[in-house]
């Protein structure tokens, strides 16, 4: 399912226009992104947790040239599914 299909389903279930549903969906995603940018977690009970994890610096290997490279430390977004979501997928 892609974003357009998801927006269509939400619009139908909420009985609103697709434009309204898309605006709400975009605001939802933007709010999650802003919260993660500030270093905070977003916890949606029963669904899961969005958080920022730190990856440590490490050594890598360039397969094209064969040379060793160093990969710097970086922050990366992560999602951990909640119990209700895990149970629903089983």
Foldseek 3Di string as FASTA:
>chain_A
DDPQVVLVVVCVVVVHDSVVSSVVVVVVVVVCVVCQVVQHKDQDPLFWIKGKDKDQKDWDADPVVRDIDIRHIDIDIDIDGHPNVVVVVD
